[in-house]
Protein backbone atom coordinates (compact mmCIF):
# COMPACT_ATOMS: atom_id res chain seq x y z
CA UNK A 1 0.00 0.00 0.00
CA UNK A 2 2.87 2.35 0.73
CA UNK A 3 4.15 1.80 -2.82
CA UNK A 4 0.79 2.66 -4.38
CA UNK A 5 0.43 5.79 -2.27
CA UNK A 6 3.89 6.91 -3.32
CA UNK A 7 2.80 6.50 -6.93
CA UNK A 8 -0.36 8.58 -6.46
CA UNK A 9 -1.82 9.49 -9.88
CA UNK A 10 0.22 6.89 -11.76
CA UNK A 11 -0.71 3.37 -12.82
CA UNK A 12 0.38 0.39 -10.77
CA UNK A 13 2.12 -2.60 -12.27
CA UNK A 14 0.01 -5.27 -14.02
CA UNK A 15 -1.22 -7.85 -11.51
CA UNK A 16 -3.55 -10.87 -11.50
CA UNK A 17 -7.11 -9.87 -10.59
CA UNK A 18 -8.20 -10.13 -6.99
CA UNK A 19 -11.62 -11.18 -5.76
CA UNK A 20 -12.42 -7.52 -5.07
CA UNK A 21 -11.62 -6.53 -8.67
CA UNK A 22 -13.64 -9.47 -10.01
CA UNK A 23 -16.68 -8.30 -8.02
CA UNK A 24 -16.27 -4.76 -9.40
CA UNK A 25 -16.03 -6.11 -12.96
CA UNK A 26 -19.17 -8.21 -12.57
CA UNK A 27 -21.01 -5.24 -11.09
CA UNK A 28 -19.92 -2.97 -13.96
CA UNK A 29 -20.60 -5.51 -16.73
CA UNK A 30 -24.08 -4.17 -17.72
CA UNK A 31 -22.75 -0.61 -17.95
CA UNK A 32 -19.72 -1.72 -19.99
CA UNK A 33 -21.94 -3.68 -22.40
CA UNK A 34 -24.22 -0.66 -22.77
CA UNK A 35 -21.32 1.72 -23.37
CA UNK A 36 -19.39 -0.51 -25.77
CA UNK A 37 -22.49 -1.88 -27.53
CA UNK A 38 -20.96 -5.38 -27.14
CA UNK A 39 -22.68 -8.35 -25.49
CA UNK A 40 -20.00 -10.30 -23.63
CA UNK A 41 -20.64 -14.03 -23.60
CA UNK A 42 -17.42 -14.79 -21.77
CA UNK A 43 -16.39 -12.13 -19.34
CA UNK A 44 -13.45 -13.41 -17.35
CA UNK A 45 -11.18 -10.75 -15.80
CA UNK A 46 -7.54 -11.79 -15.99
CA UNK A 47 -5.18 -8.91 -15.23
CA UNK A 48 -5.57 -5.37 -13.96
CA UNK A 49 -3.81 -2.11 -13.22
CA UNK A 50 -5.04 0.49 -10.73
CA UNK A 51 -4.71 4.26 -10.48
CA UNK A 52 -5.55 6.51 -7.53
CA UNK A 53 -7.00 9.79 -8.84
CA UNK A 54 -10.20 11.13 -7.28
CA UNK A 55 -10.93 7.56 -6.21
CA UNK A 56 -9.51 4.39 -7.71
CA UNK A 57 -9.63 3.64 -11.43
CA UNK A 58 -9.13 0.14 -12.82
CA UNK A 59 -7.80 -0.97 -16.21
CA UNK A 60 -8.86 -4.59 -16.62
CA UNK A 61 -7.95 -7.15 -19.27
CA UNK A 62 -10.66 -9.75 -19.78
CA UNK A 63 -11.35 -12.65 -22.10
CA UNK A 64 -13.50 -11.67 -25.16
CA UNK A 65 -12.39 -9.26 -26.33
CA UNK A 66 -8.74 -9.52 -25.34
CA UNK A 67 -8.33 -5.80 -24.89
CA UNK A 68 -8.41 -3.29 -22.08
CA UNK A 69 -11.74 -1.68 -21.17
CA UNK A 70 -11.23 1.59 -19.35
CA UNK A 71 -14.13 3.63 -17.98
CA UNK A 72 -12.75 6.54 -15.99
CA UNK A 73 -15.81 8.22 -14.53
CA UNK A 74 -13.65 10.94 -13.00
CA UNK A 75 -13.07 12.60 -16.42
CA UNK A 76 -15.60 15.49 -16.63
CA UNK A 77 -15.77 15.53 -20.44
CA UNK A 78 -16.81 11.86 -20.48
CA UNK A 79 -19.49 12.48 -17.86
CA UNK A 80 -20.75 15.30 -20.10
CA UNK A 81 -20.90 13.08 -23.18
CA UNK A 82 -22.88 10.33 -21.46
CA UNK A 83 -25.32 12.87 -19.98
CA UNK A 84 -27.99 13.28 -22.67
CA UNK A 85 -29.47 16.32 -20.92
CA UNK A 86 -26.18 18.24 -20.89
CA UNK A 87 -25.40 21.20 -23.17
CA UNK A 88 -22.79 19.64 -25.46
CA UNK A 89 -22.51 22.74 -27.67
CA UNK A 90 -21.04 24.78 -24.85
CA UNK A 91 -18.03 22.44 -24.61
CA UNK A 92 -17.81 20.65 -27.96
CA UNK A 93 -19.53 23.21 -30.26
CA UNK A 94 -21.90 20.54 -31.63
CA UNK A 95 -25.22 19.19 -30.39
CA UNK A 96 -25.45 15.55 -29.32
CA UNK A 97 -27.30 14.53 -32.56
CA UNK A 98 -24.53 16.16 -34.60
CA UNK A 99 -21.87 14.33 -32.58
CA UNK A 100 -23.64 11.00 -33.04
CA UNK A 101 -23.98 11.70 -36.77
CA UNK A 102 -20.23 12.32 -36.99
CA UNK A 103 -19.44 9.13 -35.07
CA UNK A 104 -21.67 7.11 -37.39
CA UNK A 105 -20.09 8.71 -40.47
CA UNK A 106 -16.48 7.97 -39.52
CA UNK A 107 -17.05 4.58 -37.89
CA UNK A 108 -15.46 1.67 -39.75
CA UNK A 109 -16.77 -1.90 -39.88
CA UNK A 110 -13.59 -2.98 -38.12
CA UNK A 111 -14.27 -0.65 -35.19
CA UNK A 112 -15.49 -2.10 -31.92
CA UNK A 113 -16.30 -0.76 -28.52
CA UNK A 114 -16.25 2.94 -27.78
CA UNK A 115 -12.75 3.74 -29.07
CA UNK A 116 -14.10 5.78 -32.01
CA UNK A 117 -16.42 7.78 -29.75
CA UNK A 118 -13.52 8.73 -27.51
CA UNK A 119 -11.41 9.77 -30.49
CA UNK A 120 -14.23 11.95 -31.82
CA UNK A 121 -14.60 13.61 -28.42
CA UNK A 122 -10.85 14.25 -28.19
CA UNK A 123 -10.82 15.79 -31.67
CA UNK A 124 -13.89 17.97 -31.04
CA UNK A 125 -12.50 19.17 -27.71
CA UNK A 126 -9.22 20.10 -29.39
CA UNK A 127 -11.07 21.86 -32.22
CA UNK A 128 -13.55 23.67 -29.96
CA UNK A 129 -10.89 25.14 -27.71
CA UNK A 130 -7.87 25.30 -30.04
CA UNK A 131 -6.03 23.94 -27.03
CA UNK A 132 -2.54 22.51 -26.92
CA UNK A 133 -2.11 18.75 -27.01
CA UNK A 134 -0.92 18.92 -23.41
CA UNK A 135 -4.14 20.59 -22.21
CA UNK A 136 -6.31 18.06 -24.04
CA UNK A 137 -4.26 15.17 -22.65
CA UNK A 138 -4.95 16.44 -19.13
CA UNK A 139 -8.68 16.82 -19.87
CA UNK A 140 -8.97 13.20 -21.02
CA UNK A 141 -6.24 11.68 -18.85
CA UNK A 142 -4.39 10.24 -21.83
CA UNK A 143 -0.81 10.76 -23.03
CA UNK A 144 0.00 13.85 -25.09
CA UNK A 145 1.37 11.72 -27.94
CA UNK A 146 -1.95 9.88 -28.05
CA UNK A 147 -3.79 13.20 -28.40
CA UNK A 148 -1.53 14.19 -31.30
CA UNK A 149 -2.12 10.85 -33.03
CA UNK A 150 -5.88 11.01 -32.45
CA UNK A 151 -6.17 14.57 -33.82
CA UNK A 152 -4.34 13.68 -37.01
CA UNK A 153 -6.09 10.32 -37.38
CA UNK A 154 -9.54 11.89 -36.93
CA UNK A 155 -8.79 14.73 -39.35
CA UNK A 156 -7.89 12.12 -41.98
CA UNK A 157 -11.11 10.21 -41.22
CA UNK A 158 -13.22 13.37 -41.62
CA UNK A 159 -11.43 14.24 -44.85
CA UNK A 160 -12.38 10.75 -46.02
CA UNK A 161 -16.09 11.59 -45.79
CA UNK A 162 -15.76 15.13 -47.16
CA UNK A 163 -16.97 14.32 -50.69
CA UNK A 164 -20.09 12.74 -49.23
CA UNK A 165 -20.89 15.72 -47.01
CA UNK A 166 -19.72 18.58 -49.27
CA UNK A 167 -21.04 17.95 -52.76
CA UNK A 168 -22.93 19.61 -55.63
CA UNK A 169 -26.71 19.17 -55.84
CA UNK A 170 -28.36 17.43 -58.78
CA UNK A 171 -31.88 16.86 -60.08
CA UNK A 172 -34.65 18.04 -57.78
CA UNK A 173 -32.13 19.25 -55.21
CA UNK A 174 -30.64 21.59 -57.82
CA UNK A 175 -34.07 23.05 -58.58
CA UNK A 176 -34.71 23.52 -54.87
CA UNK A 177 -31.46 25.47 -54.55
CA UNK A 178 -32.50 27.73 -57.44
CA UNK A 179 -35.90 28.34 -55.84
CA UNK A 180 -34.13 29.17 -52.58
CA UNK A 181 -31.95 31.83 -54.23
CA UNK A 182 -35.02 33.30 -55.96
CA UNK A 183 -36.63 33.63 -52.53
CA UNK A 184 -33.50 35.19 -51.01
CA UNK A 185 -33.27 37.74 -53.84
CA UNK A 186 -37.00 38.42 -53.92
CA UNK A 187 -37.04 37.89 -57.69
CA UNK A 188 -37.93 34.77 -59.70
CA UNK A 189 -35.20 35.72 -62.18
CA UNK A 190 -32.63 34.49 -59.64
CA UNK A 191 -33.93 30.91 -59.82
CA UNK A 192 -31.11 30.53 -62.33
CA UNK A 193 -28.58 31.01 -59.47
CA UNK A 194 -27.55 27.76 -57.79
CA UNK A 195 -24.71 28.93 -55.55
CA UNK A 196 -22.83 31.85 -54.05
CA UNK A 197 -19.04 32.02 -54.02
CA UNK A 198 -16.62 33.99 -51.86
CA UNK A 199 -13.34 33.68 -50.01
CA UNK A 200 -12.15 34.40 -46.49
CA UNK A 201 -8.78 34.61 -44.80
CA UNK A 202 -7.75 32.12 -42.09
CA UNK A 203 -5.18 33.51 -39.66
CA UNK A 204 -1.97 31.50 -39.26
CA UNK A 205 1.35 31.92 -37.54
CA UNK A 206 3.95 33.45 -39.89
CA UNK A 207 5.58 30.48 -41.68
CA UNK A 208 9.32 30.04 -41.36
CA UNK A 209 9.73 30.13 -45.15
CA UNK A 210 8.23 32.65 -47.61
CA UNK A 211 6.16 34.35 -44.90
CA UNK A 212 5.70 37.42 -47.13
CA UNK A 213 3.55 35.33 -49.49
CA UNK A 214 1.06 34.78 -46.68
CA UNK A 215 0.82 38.46 -45.66
CA UNK A 216 -2.52 39.69 -47.01
CA UNK A 217 -3.89 43.14 -47.81
CA UNK A 218 -5.62 43.16 -44.40
CA UNK A 219 -2.16 43.14 -42.84
CA UNK A 220 -1.97 39.69 -41.25
CA UNK A 221 -0.67 36.28 -42.30
CA UNK A 222 -3.30 33.93 -43.66
CA UNK A 223 -4.32 31.19 -46.03
CA UNK A 224 -7.45 31.46 -48.12
CA UNK A 225 -10.68 29.50 -48.00
CA UNK A 226 -12.80 29.69 -51.18
CA UNK A 227 -16.30 28.30 -50.77
CA UNK A 228 -19.53 27.89 -52.72
CA UNK A 229 -22.72 27.63 -50.66
CA UNK A 230 -26.36 26.92 -51.37
CA UNK A 231 -29.32 29.07 -50.28
CA UNK A 232 -29.18 27.68 -46.71
CA UNK A 233 -25.48 28.32 -46.15
CA UNK A 234 -24.47 24.71 -46.70
CA UNK A 235 -21.09 24.29 -48.36
CA UNK A 236 -21.22 22.79 -51.85
CA UNK A 237 -17.47 23.13 -52.50
CA UNK A 238 -14.41 24.28 -50.55
CA UNK A 239 -10.92 25.02 -51.83
CA UNK A 240 -8.40 25.96 -49.15
CA UNK A 241 -4.66 26.50 -48.94
CA UNK A 242 -3.60 29.40 -51.18
CA UNK A 243 -1.43 32.07 -49.46
CA UNK A 244 -3.19 35.21 -48.27
CA UNK A 245 -1.46 37.53 -50.74
CA UNK A 246 -3.04 35.81 -53.76
CA UNK A 247 -6.02 37.60 -55.35
CA UNK A 248 -9.46 35.95 -55.15
CA UNK A 249 -9.71 35.78 -58.94
CA UNK A 250 -6.41 33.91 -59.18
CA UNK A 251 -7.49 31.46 -56.48
CA UNK A 252 -10.65 30.83 -58.50
CA UNK A 253 -8.75 30.23 -61.74
CA UNK A 254 -6.58 27.61 -60.01
CA UNK A 255 -9.44 25.84 -58.27
CA UNK A 256 -10.81 22.50 -59.51
CA UNK A 257 -14.34 23.89 -59.89
CA UNK A 258 -13.06 26.41 -62.46
CA UNK A 259 -10.38 24.31 -64.18
CA UNK A 260 -12.73 21.37 -64.59
CA UNK A 261 -15.94 23.37 -65.21
CA UNK A 262 -17.49 21.32 -62.41
CA UNK A 263 -20.25 23.71 -61.34
CA UNK A 264 -22.72 25.21 -62.10
CA UNK A 265 -24.36 23.07 -64.81
CA UNK A 266 -25.32 24.55 -68.18
CA UNK A 267 -28.07 27.16 -67.98
CA UNK A 268 -27.31 27.96 -64.32
CA UNK A 269 -24.97 30.45 -62.63
CA UNK A 270 -23.31 31.21 -59.32
CA UNK A 271 -23.11 34.64 -57.69
CA UNK A 272 -19.89 36.38 -56.65
CA UNK A 273 -18.79 39.80 -55.44
CA UNK A 274 -16.93 42.45 -57.40
CA UNK A 275 -13.56 40.89 -56.68
CA UNK A 276 -14.37 38.12 -59.17
CA UNK A 277 -14.65 38.38 -62.96
CA UNK A 278 -18.11 38.29 -64.56
CA UNK A 279 -17.96 35.07 -66.57
CA UNK A 280 -20.04 32.96 -68.90
CA UNK A 281 -17.31 30.33 -69.42
CA UNK A 282 -15.72 28.02 -68.33
CA UNK A 283 -18.18 28.56 -65.47
CA UNK A 284 -21.04 31.05 -65.33
CA UNK A 285 -20.28 33.49 -62.52
CA UNK A 286 -22.35 36.67 -62.24
CA UNK A 287 -21.04 39.69 -60.33
CA UNK A 288 -22.76 43.02 -59.54
CA UNK A 289 -22.38 46.16 -61.66
CA UNK A 290 -19.56 48.47 -60.62
CA UNK A 291 -20.57 51.50 -58.61
CA UNK A 292 -21.72 54.08 -59.50
CA UNK A 293 -24.40 52.30 -61.51
CA UNK A 294 -25.64 53.80 -64.77
CA UNK A 295 -29.40 53.37 -64.43
CA UNK A 296 -32.23 52.04 -62.20
CA UNK A 297 -32.11 48.61 -63.88
CA UNK A 298 -28.52 48.13 -62.73
CA UNK A 299 -29.30 49.47 -59.27
CA UNK A 300 -32.25 47.09 -58.90
CA UNK A 301 -30.15 44.17 -60.08
CA UNK A 302 -27.34 44.97 -57.63
CA UNK A 303 -29.80 45.11 -54.74
CA UNK A 304 -31.31 41.70 -55.55
CA UNK A 305 -27.88 40.23 -56.25
CA UNK A 306 -26.57 41.39 -52.87
CA UNK A 307 -29.54 39.91 -51.00
CA UNK A 308 -28.99 36.52 -52.62
CA UNK A 309 -25.19 36.47 -52.46
CA UNK A 310 -25.08 37.46 -48.79
CA UNK A 311 -25.81 33.86 -47.79
CA UNK A 312 -22.16 32.91 -48.34
CA UNK A 313 -21.12 35.71 -45.97
CA UNK A 314 -23.58 34.33 -43.45
CA UNK A 315 -22.16 30.82 -43.88
CA UNK A 316 -18.67 32.12 -43.08
CA UNK A 317 -20.12 33.92 -40.06
CA UNK A 318 -21.72 30.70 -38.77
CA UNK A 319 -18.50 28.77 -39.39
CA UNK A 320 -16.43 31.31 -37.47
CA UNK A 321 -18.91 31.58 -34.60
CA UNK A 322 -19.05 27.80 -34.09
CA UNK A 323 -15.27 27.35 -34.27
CA UNK A 324 -14.29 30.78 -33.01
CA UNK A 325 -11.16 29.50 -31.27
CA UNK A 326 -9.94 28.30 -34.69
CA UNK A 327 -10.89 31.32 -36.78
CA UNK A 328 -10.45 34.33 -34.49
CA UNK A 329 -6.81 33.77 -33.63
CA UNK A 330 -3.79 32.46 -35.48
CA UNK A 331 -3.85 28.67 -35.67
CA UNK A 332 -1.11 27.13 -33.52
CA UNK A 333 -0.37 24.30 -35.93
CA UNK A 334 1.93 23.74 -38.88
CA UNK A 335 0.85 25.75 -41.97
CA UNK A 336 0.78 22.46 -43.89
CA UNK A 337 -1.88 21.12 -41.48
CA UNK A 338 -4.08 24.25 -41.52
CA UNK A 339 -5.97 23.44 -44.77
CA UNK A 340 -6.97 20.05 -43.38
CA UNK A 341 -8.22 21.58 -40.13
CA UNK A 342 -10.26 24.21 -41.99
CA UNK A 343 -11.74 21.59 -44.33
CA UNK A 344 -12.76 19.50 -41.29
CA UNK A 345 -14.54 22.55 -39.84
CA UNK A 346 -16.46 22.92 -43.13
CA UNK A 347 -17.50 19.24 -43.05
CA UNK A 348 -18.70 19.58 -39.45
CA UNK A 349 -20.58 22.77 -40.41
CA UNK A 350 -22.58 20.81 -43.00
CA UNK A 351 -23.23 17.90 -40.62
CA UNK A 352 -24.54 20.37 -38.05
CA UNK A 353 -26.91 22.03 -40.55
CA UNK A 354 -28.31 18.65 -41.61
CA UNK A 355 -29.07 17.91 -37.94
CA UNK A 356 -30.74 21.26 -37.36
CA UNK A 357 -27.79 22.39 -35.23
CA UNK A 358 -27.63 26.04 -36.31
CA UNK A 359 -25.69 28.86 -34.67
CA UNK A 360 -26.40 32.50 -35.36
CA UNK A 361 -23.30 34.36 -36.54
CA UNK A 362 -22.03 36.70 -33.84
CA UNK A 363 -19.67 38.46 -36.24
CA UNK A 364 -20.79 38.74 -39.84
CA UNK A 365 -18.01 38.33 -42.37
CA UNK A 366 -16.98 41.77 -43.64
CA UNK A 367 -18.61 42.72 -46.91
CA UNK A 368 -15.47 44.05 -48.52
CA UNK A 369 -15.86 43.16 -52.19
CA UNK A 370 -12.18 43.65 -52.80
CA UNK A 371 -10.54 45.08 -55.87
CA UNK A 372 -10.76 43.50 -59.31
CA UNK A 373 -7.69 41.67 -60.49
CA UNK A 374 -5.85 44.10 -62.80
CA UNK A 375 -4.35 41.16 -64.72
CA UNK A 376 -7.69 39.50 -65.36
CA UNK A 377 -8.57 39.74 -69.07
CA UNK A 378 -11.80 37.76 -68.65
CA UNK A 379 -13.51 40.13 -66.24
CA UNK A 380 -16.32 41.15 -68.60
CA UNK A 381 -16.95 38.10 -70.80
CA UNK A 382 -20.16 37.34 -68.91
CA UNK A 383 -21.70 40.78 -69.29
CA UNK A 384 -24.34 39.63 -71.79
CA UNK A 385 -25.59 37.05 -69.28
CA UNK A 386 -25.73 39.70 -66.58
CA UNK A 387 -27.62 42.10 -68.90
CA UNK A 388 -30.24 39.44 -69.59
CA UNK A 389 -30.58 38.64 -65.90
CA UNK A 390 -30.86 42.34 -64.99
CA UNK A 391 -33.57 42.80 -67.63
CA UNK A 392 -35.48 39.82 -66.21
CA UNK A 393 -35.22 41.27 -62.70
CA UNK A 394 -36.77 44.58 -63.86
CA UNK A 395 -39.45 42.96 -66.03
CA UNK A 396 -42.95 43.08 -64.47
CA UNK A 397 -44.04 39.85 -62.82
CA UNK A 398 -47.72 40.41 -63.61
CA UNK A 399 -49.46 41.72 -66.78
CA UNK A 400 -49.73 45.51 -66.92
CA UNK A 401 -53.40 46.44 -67.60
CA UNK A 402 -52.45 49.49 -69.66
CA UNK A 403 -50.78 47.27 -72.25
CA UNK A 404 -54.11 45.53 -72.97
CA UNK A 405 -56.12 48.71 -73.61
CA UNK A 406 -54.98 49.08 -77.22
CA UNK A 407 -54.65 46.93 -80.28
CA UNK A 408 -51.12 46.58 -81.59
CA UNK A 409 -50.22 45.86 -85.23
């Protein structure tokens, strides 16, 4: 006993189970089966280790499965997770349905027990607080190297489901997106719009090499996130990683959606701010008229365009509010890892929206349209499409009685 007291907080050596430990294991068997979702036919404790921290914790090796089952009820974050009435968003930034949806999405057929749940909780805690690996290791009572491995393993798992969660709509879903943009704009002419595109800057620590390339016009180091959203603020496409000094139009030209003409489909368009070129090909991207406008038709079009396009600004605002520890200070990770972290945040944003887990943006993304790219020779090739759309916006939606009072030859 003196040896164990001297090693307070650390694990004892592995020893054969005692009668006392066997009784504890039998007593805890129903709870372990419930937590691990495994029905143990043979449940024979063999070896154990003990730890004295806020009581005594046991790590027991039993037959079937031949692995350690460790339920440390002293860890507050685990008590929170298993409490269905708790406010999970305050600590993990996602509701319990969203967390369960994520666990189901990343779970593999080879997974067993509650290992994946714990890894998801570790990753979400790290993401929600932008905490160091050391702080997270203390919160979960696991080694710091394990936290590092879990964070990188979970980010890879979430990236593996990204194309299922962030994808372009088709068929009836595409028509629903168009109807949504028409409602946002307050004009049926905008049913042709099936997305809104914009970019935002993600703060990073100045890289050791070529840091000047990451210094943006807002006077901080960043990488860029380009995103296309639907009428609800759900991400349809994300492209992240270009240095902050690169112009939005250049990021677009180097993105897969532009190079591969992936979206929108023929006959549809996406909406962008004045920092982008007005295009009809290789993708149809419609921007507002430059101020000052020349006539009421252009002014009316710009007003409707702004109302519809603002949804992408709102999506960035929701993203930054949910993961404010990630987006409102420089990320304390390697610049090479930042794009993966940001993409994971976008995936979790979509999962949350699907589960009705919506946060109101506390800080709207600034509406700075930016300056047009002076080297962009394609900036006006979509003007004829914009002219037609502007004319449709100003056309009367109902028949004008005065036009039916005369016969026309």
